[in-house]
PDB file of all heavy atoms in Angstrom:
ATOM      1  N   GLU A   1      24.784  14.024 -37.086  1.00  0.00           N
ATOM      2  CA  GLU A   1      24.811  13.098 -35.951  1.00  0.00           C
ATOM      3  C   GLU A   1      23.630  13.244 -34.998  1.00  0.00           C
ATOM      4  O   GLU A   1      23.053  12.238 -34.557  1.00  0.00           O
ATOM      5  CB  GLU A   1      26.127  13.252 -35.183  1.00  0.00           C
ATOM      6  CG  GLU A   1      26.292  12.225 -34.077  1.00  0.00           C
ATOM      7  CD  GLU A   1      27.612  12.389 -33.333  1.00  0.00           C
ATOM      8  OE1 GLU A   1      28.500  13.124 -33.814  1.00  0.00           O
ATOM      9  OE2 GLU A   1      27.738  11.766 -32.264  1.00  0.00           O
ATOM     10  N   PRO A   2      23.211  14.470 -34.636  1.00  0.00           N
ATOM     11  CA  PRO A   2      22.072  14.582 -33.715  1.00  0.00           C
ATOM     12  C   PRO A   2      20.778  13.961 -34.257  1.00  0.00           C
ATOM     13  O   PRO A   2      19.944  13.489 -33.470  1.00  0.00           O
ATOM     14  CB  PRO A   2      21.911  16.093 -33.536  1.00  0.00           C
ATOM     15  CG  PRO A   2      23.264  16.652 -33.820  1.00  0.00           C
ATOM     16  CD  PRO A   2      23.825  15.779 -34.906  1.00  0.00           C
ATOM     17  N   TYR A   3      20.610  13.943 -35.572  1.00  0.00           N
ATOM     18  CA  TYR A   3      19.413  13.325 -36.144  1.00  0.00           C
ATOM     19  C   TYR A   3      19.439  11.814 -35.965  1.00  0.00           C
ATOM     20  O   TYR A   3      18.396  11.176 -35.781  1.00  0.00           O
ATOM     21  CB  TYR A   3      19.281  13.692 -37.618  1.00  0.00           C
ATOM     22  CG  TYR A   3      19.009  15.155 -37.847  1.00  0.00           C
ATOM     23  CD1 TYR A   3      20.060  16.076 -37.909  1.00  0.00           C
ATOM     24  CD2 TYR A   3      17.710  15.632 -37.993  1.00  0.00           C
ATOM     25  CE1 TYR A   3      19.820  17.429 -38.109  1.00  0.00           C
ATOM     26  CE2 TYR A   3      17.459  16.984 -38.204  1.00  0.00           C
ATOM     27  CZ  TYR A   3      18.523  17.871 -38.245  1.00  0.00           C
ATOM     28  OH  TYR A   3      18.285  19.212 -38.440  1.00  0.00           O
ATOM     29  N   GLN A   4      20.634  11.246 -36.013  1.00  0.00           N
ATOM     30  CA  GLN A   4      20.766   9.813 -35.739  1.00  0.00           C
ATOM     31  C   GLN A   4      20.438   9.534 -34.281  1.00  0.00           C
ATOM     32  O   GLN A   4      19.790   8.530 -33.949  1.00  0.00           O
ATOM     33  CB  GLN A   4      22.184   9.351 -36.081  1.00  0.00           C
ATOM     34  CG  GLN A   4      22.495   9.467 -37.563  1.00  0.00           C
ATOM     35  CD  GLN A   4      23.986   9.352 -37.861  1.00  0.00           C
ATOM     36  OE1 GLN A   4      24.790   9.112 -36.954  1.00  0.00           O
ATOM     37  NE2 GLN A   4      24.350   9.538 -39.120  1.00  0.00           N
ATOM     38  N   LYS A   5      20.867  10.432 -33.398  1.00  0.00           N
ATOM     39  CA  LYS A   5      20.536  10.302 -31.974  1.00  0.00           C
ATOM     40  C   LYS A   5      19.022  10.426 -31.775  1.00  0.00           C
ATOM     41  O   LYS A   5      18.426   9.690 -30.970  1.00  0.00           O
ATOM     42  CB  LYS A   5      21.281  11.378 -31.177  1.00  0.00           C
ATOM     43  CG  LYS A   5      21.139  11.238 -29.680  1.00  0.00           C
ATOM     44  CD  LYS A   5      22.121  12.124 -28.928  1.00  0.00           C
ATOM     45  CE  LYS A   5      21.786  13.594 -29.093  1.00  0.00           C
ATOM     46  NZ  LYS A   5      22.609  14.463 -28.209  1.00  0.00           N
ATOM     47  N   LEU A   6      18.395  11.337 -32.514  1.00  0.00           N
ATOM     48  CA  LEU A   6      16.943  11.498 -32.447  1.00  0.00           C
ATOM     49  C   LEU A   6      16.243  10.222 -32.897  1.00  0.00           C
ATOM     50  O   LEU A   6      15.289   9.767 -32.260  1.00  0.00           O
ATOM     51  CB  LEU A   6      16.510  12.679 -33.317  1.00  0.00           C
ATOM     52  CG  LEU A   6      15.010  12.889 -33.495  1.00  0.00           C
ATOM     53  CD1 LEU A   6      14.336  13.216 -32.163  1.00  0.00           C
ATOM     54  CD2 LEU A   6      14.747  14.005 -34.510  1.00  0.00           C
ATOM     55  N   GLU A   7      16.729   9.633 -33.980  1.00  0.00           N
ATOM     56  CA  GLU A   7      16.133   8.395 -34.482  1.00  0.00           C
ATOM     57  C   GLU A   7      16.247   7.283 -33.447  1.00  0.00           C
ATOM     58  O   GLU A   7      15.290   6.529 -33.213  1.00  0.00           O
ATOM     59  CB  GLU A   7      16.833   7.992 -35.786  1.00  0.00           C
ATOM     60  CG  GLU A   7      16.087   6.936 -36.595  1.00  0.00           C
ATOM     61  CD  GLU A   7      16.342   5.522 -36.105  1.00  0.00           C
ATOM     62  OE1 GLU A   7      17.408   5.282 -35.499  1.00  0.00           O
ATOM     63  OE2 GLU A   7      15.472   4.654 -36.319  1.00  0.00           O
ATOM     64  N   GLN A   8      17.391   7.192 -32.788  1.00  0.00           N
ATOM     65  CA  GLN A   8      17.587   6.176 -31.741  1.00  0.00           C
ATOM     66  C   GLN A   8      16.654   6.419 -30.557  1.00  0.00           C
ATOM     67  O   GLN A   8      16.125   5.478 -29.965  1.00  0.00           O
ATOM     68  CB  GLN A   8      19.041   6.183 -31.282  1.00  0.00           C
ATOM     69  CG  GLN A   8      20.022   5.689 -32.341  1.00  0.00           C
ATOM     70  CD  GLN A   8      21.467   6.023 -32.008  1.00  0.00           C
ATOM     71  OE1 GLN A   8      21.766   6.567 -30.941  1.00  0.00           O
ATOM     72  NE2 GLN A   8      22.373   5.721 -32.930  1.00  0.00           N
ATOM     73  N   GLN A   9      16.456   7.687 -30.234  1.00  0.00           N
ATOM     74  CA  GLN A   9      15.564   8.019 -29.123  1.00  0.00           C
ATOM     75  C   GLN A   9      14.131   7.619 -29.441  1.00  0.00           C
ATOM     76  O   GLN A   9      13.424   7.055 -28.602  1.00  0.00           O
ATOM     77  CB  GLN A   9      15.650   9.515 -28.823  1.00  0.00           C
ATOM     78  CG  GLN A   9      14.983   9.928 -27.536  1.00  0.00           C
ATOM     79  CD  GLN A   9      15.334  11.352 -27.126  1.00  0.00           C
ATOM     80  OE1 GLN A   9      15.968  12.091 -27.863  1.00  0.00           O
ATOM     81  NE2 GLN A   9      14.924  11.747 -25.943  1.00  0.00           N
ATOM     82  N   LEU A  10      13.690   7.898 -30.655  1.00  0.00           N
ATOM     83  CA  LEU A  10      12.345   7.506 -31.072  1.00  0.00           C
ATOM     84  C   LEU A  10      12.185   5.993 -31.046  1.00  0.00           C
ATOM     85  O   LEU A  10      11.159   5.468 -30.612  1.00  0.00           O
ATOM     86  CB  LEU A  10      12.045   8.055 -32.466  1.00  0.00           C
ATOM     87  CG  LEU A  10      11.813   9.570 -32.552  1.00  0.00           C
ATOM     88  CD1 LEU A  10      11.967  10.063 -33.979  1.00  0.00           C
ATOM     89  CD2 LEU A  10      10.443   9.923 -32.010  1.00  0.00           C
ATOM     90  N   THR A  11      13.203   5.285 -31.503  1.00  0.00           N
ATOM     91  CA  THR A  11      13.160   3.824 -31.512  1.00  0.00           C
ATOM     92  C   THR A  11      13.134   3.265 -30.089  1.00  0.00           C
ATOM     93  O   THR A  11      12.486   2.249 -29.815  1.00  0.00           O
ATOM     94  CB  THR A  11      14.375   3.256 -32.275  1.00  0.00           C
ATOM     95  OG1 THR A  11      14.347   3.757 -33.619  1.00  0.00           O
ATOM     96  CG2 THR A  11      14.354   1.733 -32.318  1.00  0.00           C
ATOM     97  N   SER A  12      13.823   3.950 -29.166  1.00  0.00           N
ATOM     98  CA  SER A  12      13.924   3.459 -27.785  1.00  0.00           C
ATOM     99  C   SER A  12      12.592   3.450 -27.058  1.00  0.00           C
ATOM    100  O   SER A  12      12.451   2.801 -26.025  1.00  0.00           O
ATOM    101  CB  SER A  12      14.935   4.306 -26.999  1.00  0.00           C
ATOM    102  OG  SER A  12      14.384   5.579 -26.674  1.00  0.00           O
ATOM    103  N   PHE A  13      11.594   4.155 -27.587  1.00  0.00           N
ATOM    104  CA  PHE A  13      10.286   4.179 -26.936  1.00  0.00           C
ATOM    105  C   PHE A  13       9.599   2.815 -27.018  1.00  0.00           C
ATOM    106  O   PHE A  13       8.644   2.556 -26.299  1.00  0.00           O
ATOM    107  CB  PHE A  13       9.394   5.263 -27.546  1.00  0.00           C
ATOM    108  CG  PHE A  13       9.883   6.665 -27.300  1.00  0.00           C
ATOM    109  CD1 PHE A  13       9.707   7.647 -28.264  1.00  0.00           C
ATOM    110  CD2 PHE A  13      10.523   7.007 -26.121  1.00  0.00           C
ATOM    111  CE1 PHE A  13      10.147   8.944 -28.050  1.00  0.00           C
ATOM    112  CE2 PHE A  13      10.968   8.297 -25.891  1.00  0.00           C
ATOM    113  CZ  PHE A  13      10.787   9.273 -26.862  1.00  0.00           C
ATOM    114  N   GLY A  14      10.085   1.960 -27.907  1.00  0.00           N
ATOM    115  CA  GLY A  14       9.590   0.587 -27.968  1.00  0.00           C
ATOM    116  C   GLY A  14       8.211   0.436 -28.561  1.00  0.00           C
ATOM    117  O   GLY A  14       7.552  -0.588 -28.362  1.00  0.00           O
ATOM    118  N   SER A  15       7.761   1.444 -29.289  1.00  0.00           N
ATOM    119  CA  SER A  15       6.431   1.404 -29.903  1.00  0.00           C
ATOM    120  C   SER A  15       6.567   1.789 -31.366  1.00  0.00           C
ATOM    121  O   SER A  15       7.082   2.861 -31.683  1.00  0.00           O
ATOM    122  CB  SER A  15       5.484   2.373 -29.189  1.00  0.00           C
ATOM    123  OG  SER A  15       4.341   2.630 -29.965  1.00  0.00           O
ATOM    124  N   GLU A  16       6.120   0.924 -32.245  1.00  0.00           N
ATOM    125  CA  GLU A  16       6.230   1.211 -33.678  1.00  0.00           C
ATOM    126  C   GLU A  16       5.468   2.473 -34.085  1.00  0.00           C
ATOM    127  O   GLU A  16       5.994   3.299 -34.837  1.00  0.00           O
ATOM    128  CB  GLU A  16       5.743   0.013 -34.498  1.00  0.00           C
ATOM    129  CG  GLU A  16       6.094   0.079 -35.972  1.00  0.00           C
ATOM    130  CD  GLU A  16       7.597   0.060 -36.248  1.00  0.00           C
ATOM    131  OE1 GLU A  16       8.378  -0.342 -35.359  1.00  0.00           O
ATOM    132  OE2 GLU A  16       7.978   0.471 -37.351  1.00  0.00           O
ATOM    133  N   PRO A  17       4.237   2.683 -33.589  1.00  0.00           N
ATOM    134  CA  PRO A  17       3.545   3.934 -33.946  1.00  0.00           C
ATOM    135  C   PRO A  17       4.289   5.182 -33.479  1.00  0.00           C
ATOM    136  O   PRO A  17       4.300   6.195 -34.182  1.00  0.00           O
ATOM    137  CB  PRO A  17       2.188   3.810 -33.240  1.00  0.00           C
ATOM    138  CG  PRO A  17       1.964   2.342 -33.115  1.00  0.00           C
ATOM    139  CD  PRO A  17       3.337   1.763 -32.867  1.00  0.00           C
ATOM    140  N   LEU A  18       4.930   5.133 -32.312  1.00  0.00           N
ATOM    141  CA  LEU A  18       5.672   6.296 -31.827  1.00  0.00           C
ATOM    142  C   LEU A  18       6.910   6.560 -32.685  1.00  0.00           C
ATOM    143  O   LEU A  18       7.400   7.689 -32.741  1.00  0.00           O
ATOM    144  CB  LEU A  18       6.087   6.108 -30.364  1.00  0.00           C
ATOM    145  CG  LEU A  18       4.958   6.122 -29.338  1.00  0.00           C
ATOM    146  CD1 LEU A  18       5.502   5.840 -27.943  1.00  0.00           C
ATOM    147  CD2 LEU A  18       4.210   7.447 -29.357  1.00  0.00           C
ATOM    148  N   ARG A  19       7.409   5.543 -33.351  1.00  0.00           N
ATOM    149  CA  ARG A  19       8.559   5.693 -34.237  1.00  0.00           C
ATOM    150  C   ARG A  19       8.137   6.109 -35.646  1.00  0.00           C
ATOM    151  O   ARG A  19       8.862   6.816 -36.345  1.00  0.00           O
ATOM    152  CB  ARG A  19       9.343   4.369 -34.292  1.00  0.00           C
ATOM    153  CG  ARG A  19      10.384   4.232 -35.387  1.00  0.00           C
ATOM    154  CD  ARG A  19      11.459   5.286 -35.298  1.00  0.00           C
ATOM    155  NE  ARG A  19      12.426   5.148 -36.376  1.00  0.00           N
ATOM    156  CZ  ARG A  19      12.244   5.576 -37.615  1.00  0.00           C
ATOM    157  NH1 ARG A  19      11.101   6.171 -37.949  1.00  0.00           N
ATOM    158  NH2 ARG A  19      13.173   5.425 -38.533  1.00  0.00           N
ATOM    159  N   ARG A  20       6.950   5.725 -36.065  1.00  0.00           N
ATOM    160  CA  ARG A  20       6.521   5.960 -37.452  1.00  0.00           C
ATOM    161  C   ARG A  20       5.614   7.177 -37.613  1.00  0.00           C
ATOM    162  O   ARG A  20       5.657   7.861 -38.626  1.00  0.00           O
ATOM    163  CB  ARG A  20       5.791   4.730 -38.002  1.00  0.00           C
ATOM    164  CG  ARG A  20       6.692   3.546 -38.294  1.00  0.00           C
ATOM    165  CD  ARG A  20       5.866   2.435 -38.930  1.00  0.00           C
ATOM    166  NE  ARG A  20       6.659   1.477 -39.661  1.00  0.00           N
ATOM    167  CZ  ARG A  20       7.174   1.676 -40.876  1.00  0.00           C
ATOM    168  NH1 ARG A  20       7.006   2.835 -41.450  1.00  0.00           N
ATOM    169  NH2 ARG A  20       7.849   0.751 -41.484  1.00  0.00           N
ATOM    170  N   ASN A  21       4.767   7.443 -36.630  1.00  0.00           N
ATOM    171  CA  ASN A  21       3.844   8.582 -36.697  1.00  0.00           C
ATOM    172  C   ASN A  21       4.497   9.772 -36.004  1.00  0.00           C
ATOM    173  O   ASN A  21       4.542   9.829 -34.776  1.00  0.00           O
ATOM    174  CB  ASN A  21       2.508   8.255 -36.011  1.00  0.00           C
ATOM    175  CG  ASN A  21       1.801   7.085 -36.650  1.00  0.00           C
ATOM    176  OD1 ASN A  21       2.023   6.768 -37.817  1.00  0.00           O
ATOM    177  ND2 ASN A  21       0.940   6.430 -35.901  1.00  0.00           N
ATOM    178  N   ILE A  22       4.986  10.720 -36.795  1.00  0.00           N
ATOM    179  CA  ILE A  22       5.772  11.805 -36.205  1.00  0.00           C
ATOM    180  C   ILE A  22       5.334  13.157 -36.776  1.00  0.00           C
ATOM    181  O   ILE A  22       5.219  13.322 -37.991  1.00  0.00           O
ATOM    182  CB  ILE A  22       7.282  11.627 -36.470  1.00  0.00           C
ATOM    183  CG1 ILE A  22       7.736  10.202 -36.165  1.00  0.00           C
ATOM    184  CG2 ILE A  22       8.082  12.610 -35.623  1.00  0.00           C
ATOM    185  CD1 ILE A  22       9.170   9.917 -36.574  1.00  0.00           C
ATOM    186  N   LEU A  23       5.122  14.097 -35.875  1.00  0.00           N
ATOM    187  CA  LEU A  23       4.869  15.482 -36.261  1.00  0.00           C
ATOM    188  C   LEU A  23       6.150  16.274 -35.976  1.00  0.00           C
ATOM    189  O   LEU A  23       6.601  16.312 -34.834  1.00  0.00           O
ATOM    190  CB  LEU A  23       3.699  16.046 -35.463  1.00  0.00           C
ATOM    191  CG  LEU A  23       3.203  17.437 -35.852  1.00  0.00           C
ATOM    192  CD1 LEU A  23       1.728  17.576 -35.491  1.00  0.00           C
ATOM    193  CD2 LEU A  23       3.993  18.540 -35.165  1.00  0.00           C
ATOM    194  N   PHE A  24       6.718  16.857 -37.017  1.00  0.00           N
ATOM    195  CA  PHE A  24       7.921  17.668 -36.873  1.00  0.00           C
ATOM    196  C   PHE A  24       7.514  19.140 -36.873  1.00  0.00           C
ATOM    197  O   PHE A  24       7.009  19.651 -37.873  1.00  0.00           O
ATOM    198  CB  PHE A  24       8.901  17.408 -38.027  1.00  0.00           C
ATOM    199  CG  PHE A  24       9.373  15.988 -38.115  1.00  0.00           C
ATOM    200  CD1 PHE A  24       8.914  15.153 -39.125  1.00  0.00           C
ATOM    201  CD2 PHE A  24      10.263  15.478 -37.186  1.00  0.00           C
ATOM    202  CE1 PHE A  24       9.346  13.844 -39.219  1.00  0.00           C
ATOM    203  CE2 PHE A  24      10.694  14.162 -37.256  1.00  0.00           C
ATOM    204  CZ  PHE A  24      10.238  13.345 -38.279  1.00  0.00           C
ATOM    205  N   TYR A  25       7.736  19.809 -35.758  1.00  0.00           N
ATOM    206  CA  TYR A  25       7.357  21.218 -35.616  1.00  0.00           C
ATOM    207  C   TYR A  25       8.620  22.061 -35.759  1.00  0.00           C
ATOM    208  O   TYR A  25       9.517  22.000 -34.912  1.00  0.00           O
ATOM    209  CB  TYR A  25       6.712  21.457 -34.248  1.00  0.00           C
ATOM    210  CG  TYR A  25       5.812  22.662 -34.204  1.00  0.00           C
ATOM    211  CD1 TYR A  25       4.440  22.530 -34.053  1.00  0.00           C
ATOM    212  CD2 TYR A  25       6.334  23.946 -34.335  1.00  0.00           C
ATOM    213  CE1 TYR A  25       3.611  23.639 -34.014  1.00  0.00           C
ATOM    214  CE2 TYR A  25       5.514  25.053 -34.303  1.00  0.00           C
ATOM    215  CZ  TYR A  25       4.149  24.888 -34.145  1.00  0.00           C
ATOM    216  OH  TYR A  25       3.331  25.987 -34.125  1.00  0.00           O
ATOM    217  N   LEU A  26       8.719  22.826 -36.849  1.00  0.00           N
ATOM    218  CA  LEU A  26       9.928  23.598 -37.141  1.00  0.00           C
ATOM    219  C   LEU A  26       9.789  25.011 -36.582  1.00  0.00           C
ATOM    220  O   LEU A  26       9.361  25.936 -37.275  1.00  0.00           O
ATOM    221  CB  LEU A  26      10.202  23.640 -38.646  1.00  0.00           C
ATOM    222  CG  LEU A  26      10.229  22.290 -39.383  1.00  0.00           C
ATOM    223  CD1 LEU A  26      10.718  22.469 -40.801  1.00  0.00           C
ATOM    224  CD2 LEU A  26      11.078  21.265 -38.652  1.00  0.00           C
ATOM    225  N   ALA A  27      10.145  25.170 -35.312  1.00  0.00           N
ATOM    226  CA  ALA A  27      10.136  26.491 -34.666  1.00  0.00           C
ATOM    227  C   ALA A  27      11.535  27.090 -34.799  1.00  0.00           C
ATOM    228  O   ALA A  27      12.156  27.504 -33.820  1.00  0.00           O
ATOM    229  CB  ALA A  27       9.722  26.369 -33.209  1.00  0.00           C
ATOM    230  N   THR A  28      12.035  27.114 -36.030  1.00  0.00           N
ATOM    231  CA  THR A  28      13.380  27.598 -36.329  1.00  0.00           C
ATOM    232  C   THR A  28      13.284  28.773 -37.299  1.00  0.00           C
ATOM    233  O   THR A  28      12.194  29.140 -37.742  1.00  0.00           O
ATOM    234  CB  THR A  28      14.225  26.500 -36.990  1.00  0.00           C
ATOM    235  OG1 THR A  28      13.672  26.202 -38.292  1.00  0.00           O
ATOM    236  CG2 THR A  28      14.237  25.233 -36.150  1.00  0.00           C
ATOM    237  N   MET A  29      14.434  29.322 -37.665  1.00  0.00           N
ATOM    238  CA  MET A  29      14.442  30.346 -38.707  1.00  0.00           C
ATOM    239  C   MET A  29      14.050  29.708 -40.037  1.00  0.00           C
ATOM    240  O   MET A  29      14.456  28.574 -40.321  1.00  0.00           O
ATOM    241  CB  MET A  29      15.837  30.967 -38.828  1.00  0.00           C
ATOM    242  CG  MET A  29      16.263  31.747 -37.609  1.00  0.00           C
ATOM    243  SD  MET A  29      17.869  32.559 -37.851  1.00  0.00           S
ATOM    244  CE  MET A  29      18.954  31.141 -38.006  1.00  0.00           C
ATOM    245  N   PRO A  30      13.269  30.407 -40.867  1.00  0.00           N
ATOM    246  CA  PRO A  30      12.877  29.848 -42.160  1.00  0.00           C
ATOM    247  C   PRO A  30      14.068  29.403 -43.012  1.00  0.00           C
ATOM    248  O   PRO A  30      13.962  28.441 -43.770  1.00  0.00           O
ATOM    249  CB  PRO A  30      12.113  30.994 -42.820  1.00  0.00           C
ATOM    250  CG  PRO A  30      11.540  31.763 -41.672  1.00  0.00           C
ATOM    251  CD  PRO A  30      12.587  31.684 -40.596  1.00  0.00           C
ATOM    252  N   SER A  31      15.206  30.069 -42.865  1.00  0.00           N
ATOM    253  CA  SER A  31      16.387  29.697 -43.648  1.00  0.00           C
ATOM    254  C   SER A  31      16.907  28.312 -43.283  1.00  0.00           C
ATOM    255  O   SER A  31      17.720  27.732 -44.016  1.00  0.00           O
ATOM    256  CB  SER A  31      17.498  30.730 -43.434  1.00  0.00           C
ATOM    257  OG  SER A  31      17.868  30.793 -42.062  1.00  0.00           O
ATOM    258  N   GLN A  32      16.421  27.749 -42.163  1.00  0.00           N
ATOM    259  CA  GLN A  32      16.876  26.432 -41.722  1.00  0.00           C
ATOM    260  C   GLN A  32      15.891  25.310 -42.076  1.00  0.00           C
ATOM    261  O   GLN A  32      16.192  24.140 -41.864  1.00  0.00           O
ATOM    262  CB  GLN A  32      17.107  26.451 -40.211  1.00  0.00           C
ATOM    263  CG  GLN A  32      18.198  27.422 -39.784  1.00  0.00           C
ATOM    264  CD  GLN A  32      18.290  27.572 -38.286  1.00  0.00           C
ATOM    265  OE1 GLN A  32      17.274  27.724 -37.604  1.00  0.00           O
ATOM    266  NE2 GLN A  32      19.505  27.526 -37.761  1.00  0.00           N
ATOM    267  N   PHE A  33      14.733  25.668 -42.603  1.00  0.00           N
ATOM    268  CA  PHE A  33      13.722  24.653 -42.917  1.00  0.00           C
ATOM    269  C   PHE A  33      14.281  23.556 -43.827  1.00  0.00           C
ATOM    270  O   PHE A  33      14.118  22.367 -43.566  1.00  0.00           O
ATOM    271  CB  PHE A  33      12.504  25.288 -43.602  1.00  0.00           C
ATOM    272  CG  PHE A  33      11.662  26.166 -42.718  1.00  0.00           C
ATOM    273  CD1 PHE A  33      10.706  26.994 -43.293  1.00  0.00           C
ATOM    274  CD2 PHE A  33      11.806  26.185 -41.345  1.00  0.00           C
ATOM    275  CE1 PHE A  33       9.911  27.818 -42.512  1.00  0.00           C
ATOM    276  CE2 PHE A  33      11.020  27.002 -40.552  1.00  0.00           C
ATOM    277  CZ  PHE A  33      10.067  27.825 -41.142  1.00  0.00           C
ATOM    278  N   GLY A  34      14.899  23.981 -44.916  1.00  0.00           N
ATOM    279  CA  GLY A  34      15.380  23.026 -45.911  1.00  0.00           C
ATOM    280  C   GLY A  34      16.405  22.066 -45.339  1.00  0.00           C
ATOM    281  O   GLY A  34      16.383  20.863 -45.641  1.00  0.00           O
ATOM    282  N   GLU A  35      17.303  22.583 -44.515  1.00  0.00           N
ATOM    283  CA  GLU A  35      18.346  21.747 -43.931  1.00  0.00           C
ATOM    284  C   GLU A  35      17.761  20.708 -42.985  1.00  0.00           C
ATOM    285  O   GLU A  35      18.166  19.544 -42.986  1.00  0.00           O
ATOM    286  CB  GLU A  35      19.347  22.628 -43.193  1.00  0.00           C
ATOM    287  CG  GLU A  35      20.618  21.930 -42.806  1.00  0.00           C
ATOM    288  CD  GLU A  35      21.731  22.892 -42.462  1.00  0.00           C
ATOM    289  OE1 GLU A  35      21.438  24.060 -42.125  1.00  0.00           O
ATOM    290  OE2 GLU A  35      22.892  22.472 -42.515  1.00  0.00           O
ATOM    291  N   VAL A  36      16.784  21.112 -42.175  1.00  0.00           N
ATOM    292  CA  VAL A  36      16.140  20.163 -41.259  1.00  0.00           C
ATOM    293  C   VAL A  36      15.445  19.061 -42.045  1.00  0.00           C
ATOM    294  O   VAL A  36      15.606  17.864 -41.750  1.00  0.00           O
ATOM    295  CB  VAL A  36      15.131  20.887 -40.338  1.00  0.00           C
ATOM    296  CG1 VAL A  36      14.340  19.866 -39.512  1.00  0.00           C
ATOM    297  CG2 VAL A  36      15.837  21.867 -39.423  1.00  0.00           C
ATOM    298  N   VAL A  37      14.690  19.442 -43.060  1.00  0.00           N
ATOM    299  CA  VAL A  37      13.961  18.454 -43.874  1.00  0.00           C
ATOM    300  C   VAL A  37      14.931  17.500 -44.552  1.00  0.00           C
ATOM    301  O   VAL A  37      14.698  16.282 -44.603  1.00  0.00           O
ATOM    302  CB  VAL A  37      13.069  19.182 -44.909  1.00  0.00           C
ATOM    303  CG1 VAL A  37      12.547  18.214 -45.953  1.00  0.00           C
ATOM    304  CG2 VAL A  37      11.903  19.866 -44.203  1.00  0.00           C
ATOM    305  N   GLU A  38      16.037  18.018 -45.067  1.00  0.00           N
ATOM    306  CA  GLU A  38      17.046  17.173 -45.711  1.00  0.00           C
ATOM    307  C   GLU A  38      17.611  16.148 -44.733  1.00  0.00           C
ATOM    308  O   GLU A  38      17.715  14.954 -45.060  1.00  0.00           O
ATOM    309  CB  GLU A  38      18.174  18.058 -46.262  1.00  0.00           C
ATOM    310  CG  GLU A  38      19.270  17.294 -46.986  1.00  0.00           C
ATOM    311  CD  GLU A  38      18.818  16.712 -48.317  1.00  0.00           C
ATOM    312  OE1 GLU A  38      17.962  17.328 -48.982  1.00  0.00           O
ATOM    313  OE2 GLU A  38      19.324  15.630 -48.679  1.00  0.00           O
ATOM    314  N   HIS A  39      17.971  16.589 -43.533  1.00  0.00           N
ATOM    315  CA  HIS A  39      18.521  15.663 -42.539  1.00  0.00           C
ATOM    316  C   HIS A  39      17.486  14.624 -42.105  1.00  0.00           C
ATOM    317  O   HIS A  39      17.820  13.446 -41.916  1.00  0.00           O
ATOM    318  CB  HIS A  39      19.022  16.438 -41.318  1.00  0.00           C
ATOM    319  CG  HIS A  39      20.360  17.068 -41.509  1.00  0.00           C
ATOM    320  ND1 HIS A  39      21.497  16.350 -41.788  1.00  0.00           N
ATOM    321  CD2 HIS A  39      20.756  18.367 -41.448  1.00  0.00           C
ATOM    322  CE1 HIS A  39      22.534  17.158 -41.886  1.00  0.00           C
ATOM    323  NE2 HIS A  39      22.110  18.398 -41.694  1.00  0.00           N
ATOM    324  N   LEU A  40      16.242  15.039 -41.938  1.00  0.00           N
ATOM    325  CA  LEU A  40      15.189  14.091 -41.547  1.00  0.00           C
ATOM    326  C   LEU A  40      15.014  13.016 -42.607  1.00  0.00           C
ATOM    327  O   LEU A  40      14.837  11.831 -42.295  1.00  0.00           O
ATOM    328  CB  LEU A  40      13.866  14.834 -41.317  1.00  0.00           C
ATOM    329  CG  LEU A  40      13.796  15.726 -40.085  1.00  0.00           C
ATOM    330  CD1 LEU A  40      12.507  16.535 -40.084  1.00  0.00           C
ATOM    331  CD2 LEU A  40      13.901  14.899 -38.801  1.00  0.00           C
ATOM    332  N   HIS A  41      15.067  13.422 -43.861  1.00  0.00           N
ATOM    333  CA  HIS A  41      14.944  12.460 -44.956  1.00  0.00           C
ATOM    334  C   HIS A  41      16.133  11.495 -44.977  1.00  0.00           C
ATOM    335  O   HIS A  41      15.958  10.278 -45.090  1.00  0.00           O
ATOM    336  CB  HIS A  41      14.846  13.208 -46.289  1.00  0.00           C
ATOM    337  CG  HIS A  41      14.925  12.311 -47.481  1.00  0.00           C
ATOM    338  ND1 HIS A  41      13.895  11.477 -47.849  1.00  0.00           N
ATOM    339  CD2 HIS A  41      15.926  12.107 -48.385  1.00  0.00           C
ATOM    340  CE1 HIS A  41      14.251  10.794 -48.930  1.00  0.00           C
ATOM    341  NE2 HIS A  41      15.475  11.162 -49.265  1.00  0.00           N
ATOM    342  N   GLN A  42      17.339  12.034 -44.852  1.00  0.00           N
ATOM    343  CA  GLN A  42      18.539  11.198 -44.908  1.00  0.00           C
ATOM    344  C   GLN A  42      18.612  10.216 -43.743  1.00  0.00           C
ATOM    345  O   GLN A  42      19.162   9.124 -43.871  1.00  0.00           O
ATOM    346  CB  GLN A  42      19.788  12.077 -44.927  1.00  0.00           C
ATOM    347  CG  GLN A  42      19.962  12.844 -46.225  1.00  0.00           C
ATOM    348  CD  GLN A  42      21.160  13.778 -46.215  1.00  0.00           C
ATOM    349  OE1 GLN A  42      21.797  13.972 -45.170  1.00  0.00           O
ATOM    350  NE2 GLN A  42      21.473  14.351 -47.361  1.00  0.00           N
ATOM    351  N   THR A  43      18.041  10.599 -42.597  1.00  0.00           N
ATOM    352  CA  THR A  43      18.046   9.718 -41.421  1.00  0.00           C
ATOM    353  C   THR A  43      16.925   8.684 -41.487  1.00  0.00           C
ATOM    354  O   THR A  43      16.878   7.770 -40.661  1.00  0.00           O
ATOM    355  CB  THR A  43      17.900  10.558 -40.130  1.00  0.00           C
ATOM    356  OG1 THR A  43      18.807  11.651 -40.181  1.00  0.00           O
ATOM    357  CG2 THR A  43      18.228   9.749 -38.893  1.00  0.00           C
ATOM    358  N   GLY A  44      16.024   8.810 -42.443  1.00  0.00           N
ATOM    359  CA  GLY A  44      14.926   7.870 -42.580  1.00  0.00           C
ATOM    360  C   GLY A  44      13.742   8.181 -41.686  1.00  0.00           C
ATOM    361  O   GLY A  44      12.877   7.326 -41.462  1.00  0.00           O
TER     362      GLY A  44
END
């Protein structure tokens, strides 16, 4: 669910480049990398 909220927040900026050009900085535990990437992919 939070990834869907993130997607809505990005869309709310009202700029297509701000929604499409995204740098994801994973300052998490390495064991969580895969899960974050999976959710980002599933959310589009």
